[in-house]
Structure formats: structure tokens, C-alpha cells
């Protein structure tokens, strides 16, 4: 993780730089995708402002940019405040990413049609056999169209032409390992 500490119209003492680096280096343990941290110190020159020392931190990750800022009477106190705010934002971002990844499989399964949600089972001892047989009236379809339809259904399939009738038929592998046959009506 690259860390840059600078001052905006303010000289930042070495002691303050090392304090900021040691505090902000702990933020990396919350998310390993952090690439860089840019820390900018500034001072409000207005005597009426009680919290004159400001710290702004820009955290660059692989996909997001997080900003946190804080003000206090002393620069070290401002660093402590900004570290707390930045940690909270990084944890929140990581929590969103982890939650989204954890539930991705269940959302994908819910989006599938009901027939596709049948769990895959091992074939029986009897071996694979044709367990579903359909005769349907079909309009003439090219081989490319048939391939596209079966791909959309998510089955392994075999398109063949019956030598005796010269009709195209489809044999498809069901999720439990058995086969289904679709033939055109005579």
C-alpha cells in the first residue's frame, strides 16, 4: 500500500507524518484491496474556528475511492478521528462486497426456471436410459436453431436424423443422468 502525507499551506513535522502513517497503516487489515492512501493536512487560519486542524484522507481501492475528513484542535487528534471514520467506511464497503458474493449463488439459482433447479443426482445402477419420451408437432427448424434452443435450456443434447423417416430428433441428457427423447409427430 502506497501512502502519501502532505500539507496544504502547512509544513507537516516528521513526528506527525510518522504518527499518521502508523495509524493509517492499520486500515489495510480491514481490506486487502487498498492500493493507496493520500493524507492532506491543512489549518484553518480563522481564530473563531475551534477545530482549526483538518485532515483529509483519500483511500483508493481496486474498484472504489473512499474519502474521510476530520477536524480537531490538535493535528494528532484529527488523525485519530479520521482513522475511525475511514475504518468504518472500509468495513462497510468490504461487508457489501462479501455479502454480495456470498449470496450470488442463491440469486442465480432463483433466476433459473423451476425445471433447472432440480439437483443433479448420480445415475442409478441400471445405467442411463430414456425415461422421458415426447412426440410434439414441430415446425421445421434448422440445426442451428435447435442447438440454440437446447443451449438455452441448459441440457447436453444430441441432434440426429432418423434414417427410416428422415426426421430430426433430439436426445438430451437429463440432470439425473438419464436421457429424454423428443421426436416430431408423424
N, C-alpha and C. Protein backbone atom coordinates (compact mmCIF):
# COMPACT_ATOMS: atom_id res chain seq x y z
N UNK A 1 0.85 -1.17 0.00
CA UNK A 1 0.00 0.00 0.00
C UNK A 1 0.89 1.23 0.00
N UNK A 2 0.59 2.12 -0.89
CA UNK A 2 1.36 3.36 -1.02
C UNK A 2 0.67 4.44 -0.18
N UNK A 3 1.46 5.18 0.60
CA UNK A 3 0.89 6.23 1.44
C UNK A 3 1.64 7.53 1.20
N UNK A 4 0.88 8.58 0.93
CA UNK A 4 1.45 9.91 0.71
C UNK A 4 0.90 10.86 1.77
N UNK A 5 1.80 11.53 2.49
CA UNK A 5 1.40 12.50 3.51
C UNK A 5 1.91 13.87 3.06
N UNK A 6 1.01 14.82 2.98
CA UNK A 6 1.40 16.17 2.55
C UNK A 6 0.61 17.21 3.33
N UNK A 7 1.01 18.46 3.17
CA UNK A 7 0.33 19.56 3.83
C UNK A 7 -0.12 20.59 2.81
N UNK A 8 -1.27 21.17 3.04
CA UNK A 8 -1.79 22.21 2.17
C UNK A 8 -1.57 23.55 2.87
N UNK A 9 -0.58 24.29 2.41
CA UNK A 9 -0.16 25.57 3.01
C UNK A 9 0.31 25.40 4.45
N UNK A 10 0.77 24.20 4.81
CA UNK A 10 1.23 23.90 6.16
C UNK A 10 2.44 22.98 6.05
N UNK A 11 3.43 23.21 6.89
CA UNK A 11 4.55 22.28 6.99
C UNK A 11 4.16 21.18 7.97
N UNK A 12 4.30 19.94 7.54
CA UNK A 12 3.94 18.80 8.39
C UNK A 12 5.22 18.26 9.02
N UNK A 13 5.33 18.30 10.36
CA UNK A 13 6.54 17.79 11.01
C UNK A 13 6.68 16.27 10.81
N UNK A 14 7.91 15.81 10.86
CA UNK A 14 8.18 14.39 10.66
C UNK A 14 7.47 13.52 11.71
N UNK A 15 7.41 14.01 12.94
CA UNK A 15 6.73 13.27 14.00
C UNK A 15 5.26 13.05 13.67
N UNK A 16 4.59 14.07 13.13
CA UNK A 16 3.18 13.96 12.75
C UNK A 16 3.00 13.03 11.55
N UNK A 17 3.94 13.08 10.60
CA UNK A 17 3.88 12.18 9.45
C UNK A 17 3.97 10.72 9.90
N UNK A 18 4.91 10.43 10.78
CA UNK A 18 5.07 9.04 11.24
C UNK A 18 3.86 8.59 12.06
N UNK A 19 3.27 9.52 12.85
CA UNK A 19 2.07 9.19 13.61
C UNK A 19 0.92 8.84 12.66
N UNK A 20 0.74 9.64 11.61
CA UNK A 20 -0.34 9.40 10.64
C UNK A 20 -0.11 8.09 9.89
N UNK A 21 1.13 7.82 9.50
CA UNK A 21 1.42 6.58 8.78
C UNK A 21 1.18 5.35 9.65
N UNK A 22 1.58 5.42 10.91
CA UNK A 22 1.39 4.25 11.79
C UNK A 22 -0.10 3.99 12.05
N UNK A 23 -0.88 5.05 12.23
CA UNK A 23 -2.32 4.88 12.47
C UNK A 23 -3.05 4.39 11.22
N UNK A 24 -2.73 4.98 10.07
CA UNK A 24 -3.45 4.65 8.84
C UNK A 24 -3.00 3.32 8.23
N UNK A 25 -1.82 2.85 8.59
CA UNK A 25 -1.39 1.55 8.05
C UNK A 25 -2.25 0.42 8.60
N UNK A 26 -2.91 0.64 9.74
CA UNK A 26 -3.78 -0.38 10.32
C UNK A 26 -5.09 -0.56 9.54
N UNK A 27 -5.43 0.39 8.70
CA UNK A 27 -6.66 0.32 7.92
C UNK A 27 -6.55 -0.81 6.88
N UNK A 28 -5.34 -1.12 6.46
CA UNK A 28 -5.15 -2.14 5.43
C UNK A 28 -5.61 -3.52 5.88
N UNK A 29 -5.62 -3.77 7.17
CA UNK A 29 -6.03 -5.09 7.65
C UNK A 29 -7.52 -5.34 7.45
N UNK A 30 -8.31 -4.29 7.23
CA UNK A 30 -9.74 -4.46 7.01
C UNK A 30 -10.08 -4.80 5.57
N UNK A 31 -9.23 -4.41 4.63
CA UNK A 31 -9.48 -4.70 3.22
C UNK A 31 -8.14 -4.80 2.50
N UNK A 32 -7.89 -5.92 1.86
CA UNK A 32 -6.61 -6.12 1.18
C UNK A 32 -6.58 -5.50 -0.21
N UNK A 33 -7.66 -4.88 -0.64
CA UNK A 33 -7.71 -4.28 -1.97
C UNK A 33 -7.28 -2.81 -1.97
N UNK A 34 -6.85 -2.28 -0.85
CA UNK A 34 -6.44 -0.88 -0.79
C UNK A 34 -5.11 -0.72 -1.52
N UNK A 35 -5.08 0.23 -2.45
CA UNK A 35 -3.89 0.47 -3.25
C UNK A 35 -3.09 1.64 -2.69
N UNK A 36 -3.77 2.74 -2.37
CA UNK A 36 -3.06 3.94 -1.94
C UNK A 36 -3.89 4.75 -0.95
N UNK A 37 -3.17 5.45 -0.07
CA UNK A 37 -3.79 6.40 0.85
C UNK A 37 -3.09 7.74 0.67
N UNK A 38 -3.87 8.79 0.46
CA UNK A 38 -3.34 10.14 0.34
C UNK A 38 -3.86 10.95 1.53
N UNK A 39 -2.94 11.47 2.33
CA UNK A 39 -3.29 12.22 3.54
C UNK A 39 -2.87 13.67 3.32
N UNK A 40 -3.82 14.58 3.55
CA UNK A 40 -3.54 16.01 3.38
C UNK A 40 -3.90 16.73 4.67
N UNK A 41 -2.92 17.41 5.24
CA UNK A 41 -3.13 18.23 6.44
C UNK A 41 -3.35 19.67 6.00
N UNK A 42 -4.25 20.36 6.68
CA UNK A 42 -4.46 21.79 6.44
C UNK A 42 -4.84 22.44 7.76
N UNK A 43 -4.72 23.77 7.78
CA UNK A 43 -5.04 24.50 9.01
C UNK A 43 -5.91 25.69 8.66
N UNK A 44 -7.00 25.83 9.40
CA UNK A 44 -7.91 26.95 9.23
C UNK A 44 -7.32 28.14 9.98
N UNK A 45 -7.11 29.26 9.30
CA UNK A 45 -6.45 30.42 9.91
C UNK A 45 -7.43 31.37 10.61
N UNK A 46 -8.68 31.00 10.71
CA UNK A 46 -9.68 31.84 11.35
C UNK A 46 -9.66 31.58 12.86
N UNK A 47 -9.46 32.60 13.70
CA UNK A 47 -9.39 32.37 15.15
C UNK A 47 -10.74 31.97 15.76
N UNK A 48 -11.83 32.18 15.07
CA UNK A 48 -13.14 31.82 15.60
C UNK A 48 -13.43 30.32 15.45
N UNK A 49 -12.68 29.63 14.61
CA UNK A 49 -12.88 28.20 14.39
C UNK A 49 -12.12 27.45 15.47
N UNK A 50 -12.83 26.67 16.27
CA UNK A 50 -12.21 25.95 17.38
C UNK A 50 -11.35 24.78 16.88
N UNK A 51 -11.88 24.02 15.92
CA UNK A 51 -11.14 22.87 15.38
C UNK A 51 -10.43 23.31 14.10
N UNK A 52 -9.25 23.88 14.27
CA UNK A 52 -8.56 24.50 13.15
C UNK A 52 -7.76 23.51 12.31
N UNK A 53 -7.36 22.39 12.88
CA UNK A 53 -6.52 21.44 12.15
C UNK A 53 -7.40 20.40 11.46
N UNK A 54 -7.28 20.33 10.12
CA UNK A 54 -8.09 19.41 9.33
C UNK A 54 -7.20 18.35 8.69
N UNK A 55 -7.73 17.14 8.60
CA UNK A 55 -7.04 16.04 7.93
C UNK A 55 -8.02 15.43 6.94
N UNK A 56 -7.59 15.30 5.68
CA UNK A 56 -8.40 14.67 4.65
C UNK A 56 -7.64 13.45 4.14
N UNK A 57 -8.33 12.31 4.09
CA UNK A 57 -7.71 11.07 3.62
C UNK A 57 -8.52 10.56 2.43
N UNK A 58 -7.80 10.26 1.34
CA UNK A 58 -8.41 9.64 0.17
C UNK A 58 -7.84 8.25 0.03
N UNK A 59 -8.71 7.26 0.12
CA UNK A 59 -8.31 5.85 0.05
C UNK A 59 -8.72 5.31 -1.31
N UNK A 60 -7.75 4.84 -2.08
CA UNK A 60 -8.01 4.30 -3.41
C UNK A 60 -7.93 2.78 -3.34
N UNK A 61 -9.03 2.11 -3.72
CA UNK A 61 -9.04 0.65 -3.77
C UNK A 61 -9.12 0.23 -5.24
N UNK A 62 -9.23 -1.06 -5.47
CA UNK A 62 -9.29 -1.54 -6.85
C UNK A 62 -10.53 -1.05 -7.57
N UNK A 63 -11.62 -0.88 -6.86
CA UNK A 63 -12.88 -0.52 -7.52
C UNK A 63 -13.49 0.78 -7.03
N UNK A 64 -13.07 1.29 -5.87
CA UNK A 64 -13.73 2.45 -5.27
C UNK A 64 -12.71 3.45 -4.75
N UNK A 65 -13.20 4.65 -4.52
CA UNK A 65 -12.43 5.70 -3.86
C UNK A 65 -13.23 6.13 -2.63
N UNK A 66 -12.57 6.11 -1.48
CA UNK A 66 -13.23 6.45 -0.22
C UNK A 66 -12.56 7.71 0.33
N UNK A 67 -13.37 8.68 0.77
CA UNK A 67 -12.84 9.90 1.36
C UNK A 67 -13.34 10.04 2.79
N UNK A 68 -12.44 10.47 3.65
CA UNK A 68 -12.82 10.76 5.03
C UNK A 68 -12.08 12.02 5.45
N UNK A 69 -12.73 12.83 6.24
CA UNK A 69 -12.07 14.04 6.75
C UNK A 69 -12.53 14.28 8.18
N UNK A 70 -11.65 14.96 8.92
CA UNK A 70 -11.95 15.28 10.32
C UNK A 70 -11.20 16.54 10.69
N UNK A 71 -11.71 17.20 11.72
CA UNK A 71 -11.08 18.42 12.23
C UNK A 71 -11.02 18.32 13.75
N UNK A 72 -9.95 18.88 14.32
CA UNK A 72 -9.78 18.89 15.78
C UNK A 72 -8.87 20.04 16.15
N UNK A 73 -8.74 20.26 17.45
CA UNK A 73 -7.88 21.34 17.94
C UNK A 73 -6.41 21.01 17.72
N UNK A 74 -6.05 19.73 17.76
CA UNK A 74 -4.67 19.29 17.55
C UNK A 74 -4.62 18.37 16.32
N UNK A 75 -3.54 18.41 15.55
CA UNK A 75 -3.46 17.56 14.36
C UNK A 75 -3.49 16.06 14.68
N UNK A 76 -2.88 15.65 15.78
CA UNK A 76 -2.88 14.22 16.14
C UNK A 76 -4.30 13.74 16.48
N UNK A 77 -5.08 14.58 17.12
CA UNK A 77 -6.47 14.22 17.43
C UNK A 77 -7.29 14.13 16.15
N UNK A 78 -7.01 15.00 15.19
CA UNK A 78 -7.70 14.95 13.90
C UNK A 78 -7.36 13.66 13.16
N UNK A 79 -6.11 13.20 13.28
CA UNK A 79 -5.71 11.93 12.65
C UNK A 79 -6.50 10.78 13.28
N UNK A 80 -6.63 10.77 14.60
CA UNK A 80 -7.37 9.70 15.28
C UNK A 80 -8.83 9.67 14.83
N UNK A 81 -9.45 10.84 14.69
CA UNK A 81 -10.84 10.91 14.24
C UNK A 81 -10.99 10.40 12.82
N UNK A 82 -10.08 10.82 11.95
CA UNK A 82 -10.20 10.44 10.54
C UNK A 82 -9.94 8.94 10.36
N UNK A 83 -9.08 8.36 11.21
CA UNK A 83 -8.84 6.90 11.14
C UNK A 83 -10.11 6.14 11.50
N UNK A 84 -10.81 6.59 12.53
CA UNK A 84 -12.06 5.94 12.91
C UNK A 84 -13.10 6.01 11.78
N UNK A 85 -13.22 7.16 11.17
CA UNK A 85 -14.19 7.32 10.08
C UNK A 85 -13.82 6.47 8.86
N UNK A 86 -12.54 6.46 8.54
CA UNK A 86 -12.09 5.68 7.39
C UNK A 86 -12.27 4.18 7.63
N UNK A 87 -11.96 3.71 8.83
CA UNK A 87 -12.15 2.30 9.16
C UNK A 87 -13.61 1.89 9.01
N UNK A 88 -14.50 2.74 9.47
CA UNK A 88 -15.93 2.45 9.37
C UNK A 88 -16.36 2.33 7.90
N UNK A 89 -15.87 3.23 7.06
CA UNK A 89 -16.26 3.20 5.64
C UNK A 89 -15.67 1.99 4.93
N UNK A 90 -14.42 1.64 5.25
CA UNK A 90 -13.78 0.49 4.61
C UNK A 90 -14.49 -0.81 5.02
N UNK A 91 -14.83 -0.93 6.30
CA UNK A 91 -15.56 -2.12 6.77
C UNK A 91 -16.92 -2.23 6.08
N UNK A 92 -17.60 -1.10 5.92
CA UNK A 92 -18.91 -1.10 5.28
C UNK A 92 -18.79 -1.53 3.82
N UNK A 93 -17.79 -1.03 3.12
CA UNK A 93 -17.59 -1.39 1.73
C UNK A 93 -17.24 -2.87 1.59
N UNK A 94 -16.37 -3.37 2.45
CA UNK A 94 -16.00 -4.78 2.40
C UNK A 94 -17.20 -5.66 2.75
N UNK A 95 -18.00 -5.24 3.71
CA UNK A 95 -19.20 -6.01 4.06
C UNK A 95 -20.17 -6.12 2.91
N UNK A 96 -20.32 -5.06 2.14
CA UNK A 96 -21.20 -5.10 0.98
C UNK A 96 -20.67 -6.08 -0.05
N UNK A 97 -19.36 -6.03 -0.29
CA UNK A 97 -18.77 -6.91 -1.29
C UNK A 97 -18.87 -8.36 -0.87
N UNK A 98 -18.60 -8.67 0.38
CA UNK A 98 -18.66 -10.05 0.87
C UNK A 98 -20.09 -10.56 0.84
N UNK A 99 -21.05 -9.74 1.25
CA UNK A 99 -22.45 -10.15 1.25
C UNK A 99 -22.92 -10.42 -0.17
N UNK A 100 -22.53 -9.57 -1.09
CA UNK A 100 -22.94 -9.74 -2.49
C UNK A 100 -22.37 -11.04 -3.04
N UNK A 101 -21.12 -11.34 -2.74
CA UNK A 101 -20.50 -12.57 -3.24
C UNK A 101 -21.09 -13.80 -2.56
N UNK A 102 -21.40 -13.70 -1.29
CA UNK A 102 -21.92 -14.86 -0.54
C UNK A 102 -23.28 -15.29 -1.08
N UNK A 103 -24.11 -14.33 -1.45
CA UNK A 103 -25.46 -14.64 -1.87
C UNK A 103 -25.61 -14.70 -3.39
N UNK A 104 -24.52 -14.64 -4.12
CA UNK A 104 -24.60 -14.65 -5.58
C UNK A 104 -25.15 -15.97 -6.10
N UNK A 105 -24.77 -17.10 -5.49
CA UNK A 105 -25.22 -18.40 -5.96
C UNK A 105 -26.73 -18.56 -5.78
N UNK A 106 -27.26 -18.10 -4.65
CA UNK A 106 -28.69 -18.27 -4.41
C UNK A 106 -29.51 -17.37 -5.33
N UNK A 107 -29.01 -16.18 -5.63
CA UNK A 107 -29.73 -15.31 -6.55
C UNK A 107 -29.71 -15.88 -7.96
N UNK A 108 -28.59 -16.46 -8.37
CA UNK A 108 -28.51 -17.05 -9.70
C UNK A 108 -29.45 -18.24 -9.81
N UNK A 109 -29.55 -19.04 -8.76
CA UNK A 109 -30.44 -20.19 -8.78
C UNK A 109 -31.90 -19.75 -8.81
N UNK A 110 -32.22 -18.67 -8.11
CA UNK A 110 -33.60 -18.18 -8.09
C UNK A 110 -34.01 -17.63 -9.46
N UNK A 111 -33.03 -17.16 -10.24
CA UNK A 111 -33.34 -16.60 -11.55
C UNK A 111 -33.58 -17.70 -12.59
N UNK A 112 -33.13 -18.93 -12.32
CA UNK A 112 -33.32 -20.02 -13.27
C UNK A 112 -34.77 -20.49 -13.25
N UNK A 113 -35.24 -21.07 -14.36
CA UNK A 113 -36.57 -21.64 -14.34
C UNK A 113 -36.64 -22.80 -13.36
N UNK A 114 -37.86 -23.15 -12.96
CA UNK A 114 -38.04 -24.15 -11.93
C UNK A 114 -37.44 -25.50 -12.31
N UNK A 115 -37.53 -25.86 -13.59
CA UNK A 115 -37.02 -27.16 -14.03
C UNK A 115 -35.50 -27.22 -13.92
N UNK A 116 -34.83 -26.08 -14.04
CA UNK A 116 -33.37 -26.07 -13.99
C UNK A 116 -32.84 -26.15 -12.57
N UNK A 117 -33.71 -26.00 -11.56
CA UNK A 117 -33.25 -26.03 -10.18
C UNK A 117 -33.25 -27.43 -9.57
N UNK A 118 -33.52 -28.44 -10.40
CA UNK A 118 -33.51 -29.81 -9.91
C UNK A 118 -32.07 -30.20 -9.62
N UNK A 119 -31.76 -30.73 -8.44
CA UNK A 119 -30.37 -31.08 -8.15
C UNK A 119 -29.89 -32.24 -9.02
N UNK A 120 -28.63 -32.21 -9.34
CA UNK A 120 -28.03 -33.25 -10.17
C UNK A 120 -27.78 -34.47 -9.30
N UNK A 121 -28.26 -35.61 -9.75
CA UNK A 121 -28.09 -36.84 -9.00
C UNK A 121 -27.23 -37.81 -9.80
N UNK A 122 -26.63 -38.75 -9.13
CA UNK A 122 -25.86 -39.78 -9.81
C UNK A 122 -26.81 -40.77 -10.47
N UNK A 123 -26.43 -41.34 -11.63
CA UNK A 123 -27.30 -42.31 -12.27
C UNK A 123 -27.43 -43.58 -11.42
N UNK A 124 -28.57 -44.26 -11.57
CA UNK A 124 -28.82 -45.50 -10.83
C UNK A 124 -27.91 -46.61 -11.33
N UNK A 125 -28.00 -47.78 -10.65
CA UNK A 125 -27.21 -48.93 -11.05
C UNK A 125 -27.66 -49.46 -12.41
N UNK A 126 -28.92 -49.19 -12.78
CA UNK A 126 -29.44 -49.70 -14.04
C UNK A 126 -28.79 -49.01 -15.24
N UNK A 127 -28.08 -47.90 -15.01
CA UNK A 127 -27.43 -47.16 -16.10
C UNK A 127 -28.37 -46.16 -16.71
N UNK A 128 -27.86 -45.28 -17.54
CA UNK A 128 -28.71 -44.27 -18.17
C UNK A 128 -29.70 -44.91 -19.13
N UNK A 129 -30.91 -44.40 -19.14
CA UNK A 129 -31.93 -44.90 -20.06
C UNK A 129 -32.87 -43.76 -20.41
N UNK A 130 -33.65 -43.95 -21.45
CA UNK A 130 -34.61 -42.93 -21.86
C UNK A 130 -35.81 -43.04 -20.93
N UNK A 131 -36.03 -42.01 -20.13
CA UNK A 131 -37.12 -42.02 -19.16
C UNK A 131 -38.23 -41.03 -19.55
N UNK A 132 -37.97 -40.17 -20.47
CA UNK A 132 -38.97 -39.19 -20.91
C UNK A 132 -39.01 -39.24 -22.42
N UNK A 133 -40.20 -39.44 -22.95
CA UNK A 133 -40.38 -39.56 -24.38
C UNK A 133 -41.49 -38.61 -24.79
N UNK A 134 -41.23 -37.75 -25.76
CA UNK A 134 -42.24 -36.80 -26.21
C UNK A 134 -42.38 -36.88 -27.72
N UNK A 135 -43.62 -36.75 -28.16
CA UNK A 135 -43.89 -36.55 -29.58
C UNK A 135 -44.57 -35.19 -29.67
N UNK A 136 -43.98 -34.31 -30.39
CA UNK A 136 -44.51 -32.95 -30.48
C UNK A 136 -44.64 -32.55 -31.94
N UNK A 137 -45.62 -31.70 -32.21
CA UNK A 137 -45.70 -31.14 -33.56
C UNK A 137 -44.73 -29.97 -33.60
N UNK A 138 -43.84 -30.04 -34.55
CA UNK A 138 -42.80 -29.02 -34.63
C UNK A 138 -42.81 -28.41 -36.02
N UNK A 139 -42.50 -27.15 -36.06
CA UNK A 139 -42.29 -26.52 -37.36
C UNK A 139 -40.87 -26.89 -37.79
N UNK A 140 -40.61 -26.87 -39.06
CA UNK A 140 -39.24 -27.19 -39.50
C UNK A 140 -38.25 -26.22 -38.86
N UNK A 141 -37.15 -26.77 -38.36
CA UNK A 141 -36.16 -25.97 -37.65
C UNK A 141 -34.78 -26.34 -38.18
N UNK A 142 -33.96 -25.35 -38.35
CA UNK A 142 -32.60 -25.65 -38.79
C UNK A 142 -31.82 -26.21 -37.61
N UNK A 143 -30.71 -26.84 -37.89
CA UNK A 143 -29.88 -27.42 -36.84
C UNK A 143 -29.35 -26.33 -35.91
N UNK A 144 -29.02 -25.17 -36.47
CA UNK A 144 -28.51 -24.07 -35.65
C UNK A 144 -29.57 -23.58 -34.66
N UNK A 145 -30.83 -23.50 -35.10
CA UNK A 145 -31.90 -23.09 -34.20
C UNK A 145 -32.11 -24.10 -33.09
N UNK A 146 -32.04 -25.40 -33.44
CA UNK A 146 -32.21 -26.44 -32.42
C UNK A 146 -31.09 -26.38 -31.40
N UNK A 147 -29.87 -26.16 -31.87
CA UNK A 147 -28.73 -26.05 -30.95
C UNK A 147 -28.92 -24.88 -30.01
N UNK A 148 -29.39 -23.76 -30.55
CA UNK A 148 -29.58 -22.56 -29.72
C UNK A 148 -30.66 -22.80 -28.66
N UNK A 149 -31.76 -23.47 -29.03
CA UNK A 149 -32.84 -23.73 -28.08
C UNK A 149 -32.36 -24.64 -26.96
N UNK A 150 -31.65 -25.70 -27.28
CA UNK A 150 -31.20 -26.64 -26.26
C UNK A 150 -30.12 -26.02 -25.37
N UNK A 151 -29.29 -25.15 -25.95
CA UNK A 151 -28.30 -24.44 -25.12
C UNK A 151 -28.99 -23.56 -24.10
N UNK A 152 -30.07 -22.90 -24.51
CA UNK A 152 -30.79 -22.03 -23.59
C UNK A 152 -31.42 -22.84 -22.45
N UNK A 153 -31.82 -24.07 -22.73
CA UNK A 153 -32.43 -24.91 -21.70
C UNK A 153 -31.39 -25.48 -20.76
N UNK A 154 -30.11 -25.47 -21.14
CA UNK A 154 -29.05 -25.91 -20.25
C UNK A 154 -28.85 -27.42 -20.24
N UNK A 155 -29.19 -28.12 -21.30
CA UNK A 155 -29.04 -29.57 -21.34
C UNK A 155 -27.90 -29.95 -22.30
N UNK A 156 -27.30 -31.11 -22.05
CA UNK A 156 -26.44 -31.74 -23.05
C UNK A 156 -27.37 -32.45 -24.00
N UNK A 157 -27.20 -32.27 -25.30
CA UNK A 157 -28.15 -32.84 -26.24
C UNK A 157 -27.43 -33.35 -27.48
N UNK A 158 -28.15 -34.19 -28.22
CA UNK A 158 -27.63 -34.77 -29.45
C UNK A 158 -28.73 -34.67 -30.49
N UNK A 159 -28.45 -34.02 -31.58
CA UNK A 159 -29.41 -33.85 -32.67
C UNK A 159 -29.06 -34.90 -33.73
N UNK A 160 -30.05 -35.67 -34.13
CA UNK A 160 -29.78 -36.69 -35.14
C UNK A 160 -30.97 -36.79 -36.09
N UNK A 161 -30.73 -37.40 -37.24
CA UNK A 161 -31.76 -37.61 -38.25
C UNK A 161 -32.06 -39.10 -38.32
N UNK A 162 -33.34 -39.44 -38.19
CA UNK A 162 -33.77 -40.83 -38.28
C UNK A 162 -33.65 -41.27 -39.74
N UNK A 163 -32.94 -42.37 -40.00
CA UNK A 163 -32.69 -42.83 -41.37
C UNK A 163 -34.00 -43.29 -42.01
N UNK A 164 -34.86 -43.95 -41.26
CA UNK A 164 -36.10 -44.50 -41.81
C UNK A 164 -37.09 -43.42 -42.19
N UNK A 165 -37.28 -42.42 -41.32
CA UNK A 165 -38.31 -41.40 -41.57
C UNK A 165 -37.73 -40.09 -42.08
N UNK A 166 -36.43 -39.93 -42.03
CA UNK A 166 -35.73 -38.70 -42.44
C UNK A 166 -36.18 -37.49 -41.62
N UNK A 167 -36.62 -37.72 -40.36
CA UNK A 167 -37.00 -36.66 -39.44
C UNK A 167 -35.86 -36.42 -38.44
N UNK A 168 -35.74 -35.17 -38.01
CA UNK A 168 -34.75 -34.84 -36.99
C UNK A 168 -35.33 -35.09 -35.62
N UNK A 169 -34.54 -35.66 -34.74
CA UNK A 169 -34.94 -35.90 -33.36
C UNK A 169 -33.83 -35.43 -32.44
N UNK A 170 -34.18 -35.26 -31.17
CA UNK A 170 -33.21 -34.79 -30.18
C UNK A 170 -33.20 -35.76 -29.01
N UNK A 171 -32.01 -36.18 -28.63
CA UNK A 171 -31.82 -36.93 -27.39
C UNK A 171 -31.07 -35.99 -26.46
N UNK A 172 -31.58 -35.82 -25.24
CA UNK A 172 -30.92 -34.91 -24.31
C UNK A 172 -30.66 -35.61 -22.99
N UNK A 173 -29.57 -35.23 -22.34
CA UNK A 173 -29.20 -35.81 -21.05
C UNK A 173 -29.88 -35.00 -19.96
N UNK A 174 -30.64 -35.71 -19.12
CA UNK A 174 -31.33 -35.05 -18.01
C UNK A 174 -30.36 -34.87 -16.85
N UNK A 175 -30.74 -34.07 -15.89
CA UNK A 175 -29.85 -33.74 -14.78
C UNK A 175 -29.52 -34.95 -13.91
N UNK A 176 -30.38 -35.96 -13.88
CA UNK A 176 -30.11 -37.12 -13.06
C UNK A 176 -29.30 -38.19 -13.80
N UNK A 177 -28.90 -37.91 -15.04
CA UNK A 177 -28.07 -38.83 -15.79
C UNK A 177 -28.83 -39.64 -16.82
N UNK A 178 -30.16 -39.70 -16.74
CA UNK A 178 -30.96 -40.41 -17.73
C UNK A 178 -31.11 -39.55 -18.98
N UNK A 179 -31.81 -40.09 -19.98
CA UNK A 179 -31.98 -39.38 -21.24
C UNK A 179 -33.44 -39.12 -21.51
N UNK A 180 -33.68 -38.11 -22.35
CA UNK A 180 -35.01 -37.82 -22.85
C UNK A 180 -34.95 -37.80 -24.37
N UNK A 181 -36.06 -38.13 -25.02
CA UNK A 181 -36.11 -38.17 -26.48
C UNK A 181 -37.26 -37.29 -26.94
N UNK A 182 -36.99 -36.44 -27.90
CA UNK A 182 -38.03 -35.59 -28.49
C UNK A 182 -38.05 -35.92 -29.98
N UNK A 183 -39.23 -36.36 -30.45
CA UNK A 183 -39.42 -36.69 -31.85
C UNK A 183 -40.58 -35.88 -32.40
N UNK A 184 -40.57 -35.60 -33.68
CA UNK A 184 -41.72 -34.90 -34.28
C UNK A 184 -42.89 -35.88 -34.45
N UNK A 185 -44.11 -35.34 -34.42
CA UNK A 185 -45.30 -36.18 -34.64
C UNK A 185 -45.31 -36.64 -36.09
N UNK A 186 -45.84 -37.79 -36.29
CA UNK A 186 -45.88 -38.37 -37.65
C UNK A 186 -46.98 -37.76 -38.47
